């Protein structure tokens, strides 16, 4: 097929990766950060998209693509 005659098929890899990370977050933490796994309450996770963190000491801001808010186990 010619490029002009077919619809572009674009895969949103960023969105797919975020979905995978959300669906398998506990397994991801267990695999890559086993020392903190027991401290996370996985029943109370909140996934945040496009968060801005301000570093007032260095007078800089940093944007992250995805952050996870949670409660620590007590």
Protein backbone atom coordinates (compact mmCIF):
# COMPACT_ATOMS: atom_id res chain seq x y z
CA UNK A 1 0.00 0.00 0.00
CA UNK A 2 1.08 3.53 -0.61
CA UNK A 3 1.63 5.84 2.33
CA UNK A 4 -0.97 8.31 1.10
CA UNK A 5 -3.73 5.70 0.76
CA UNK A 6 -3.52 4.10 4.16
CA UNK A 7 -4.36 5.48 7.53
CA UNK A 8 -1.42 5.91 9.81
CA UNK A 9 -1.41 3.35 12.57
CA UNK A 10 0.23 5.00 15.55
CA UNK A 11 0.71 3.19 18.82
CA UNK A 12 0.68 5.31 21.94
CA UNK A 13 3.53 3.56 23.74
CA UNK A 14 3.52 6.08 26.58
CA UNK A 15 -0.12 5.36 27.38
CA UNK A 16 0.39 1.59 27.12
CA UNK A 17 3.42 1.71 29.43
CA UNK A 18 1.47 3.72 32.02
CA UNK A 19 -1.38 1.20 31.90
CA UNK A 20 1.02 -1.71 32.34
CA UNK A 21 2.74 -0.01 35.25
CA UNK A 22 -0.59 0.69 36.93
CA UNK A 23 -1.90 -2.84 36.37
CA UNK A 24 1.29 -4.51 37.60
CA UNK A 25 2.55 -1.89 40.06
CA UNK A 26 2.83 -4.24 43.02
CA UNK A 27 4.77 -6.79 40.96
CA UNK A 28 7.01 -4.01 39.61
CA UNK A 29 7.83 -2.82 43.12
CA UNK A 30 8.43 -6.37 44.34
CA UNK A 31 10.82 -7.06 41.45
CA UNK A 32 12.79 -3.79 41.41
CA UNK A 33 12.38 -2.45 44.98
CA UNK A 34 11.82 -5.49 47.22
CA UNK A 35 13.10 -3.67 50.30
CA UNK A 36 10.17 -1.19 50.24
CA UNK A 37 7.45 -3.59 49.12
CA UNK A 38 6.27 -4.37 52.67
CA UNK A 39 6.01 -0.66 53.53
CA UNK A 40 3.48 0.18 50.79
CA UNK A 41 -0.26 -0.14 51.26
CA UNK A 42 -1.25 -1.31 47.77
CA UNK A 43 -4.96 -1.00 48.57
CA UNK A 44 -4.60 2.80 48.73
CA UNK A 45 -2.68 3.76 45.58
CA UNK A 46 -3.49 6.85 43.58
CA UNK A 47 -1.82 7.30 40.19
CA UNK A 48 -1.17 10.93 39.28
CA UNK A 49 -0.49 12.13 35.74
CA UNK A 50 1.88 15.01 34.89
CA UNK A 51 2.96 16.23 38.31
CA UNK A 52 5.15 19.30 38.88
CA UNK A 53 7.63 19.30 41.75
CA UNK A 54 9.23 22.53 42.87
CA UNK A 55 12.72 22.58 44.37
CA UNK A 56 12.73 25.91 46.16
CA UNK A 57 16.32 25.58 47.40
CA UNK A 58 17.69 25.17 43.88
CA UNK A 59 14.99 27.37 42.31
CA UNK A 60 14.03 24.69 39.82
CA UNK A 61 10.93 22.78 38.87
CA UNK A 62 10.73 19.27 37.55
CA UNK A 63 7.81 17.65 35.77
CA UNK A 64 7.28 13.92 36.09
CA UNK A 65 5.15 11.95 33.67
CA UNK A 66 3.50 9.82 36.35
CA UNK A 67 3.66 9.69 40.14
CA UNK A 68 2.09 7.35 42.67
CA UNK A 69 0.60 8.56 45.92
CA UNK A 70 0.23 5.96 48.66
CA UNK A 71 0.00 5.37 52.37
CA UNK A 72 2.76 3.63 54.24
CA UNK A 73 1.91 0.49 56.16
CA UNK A 74 1.82 1.04 59.90
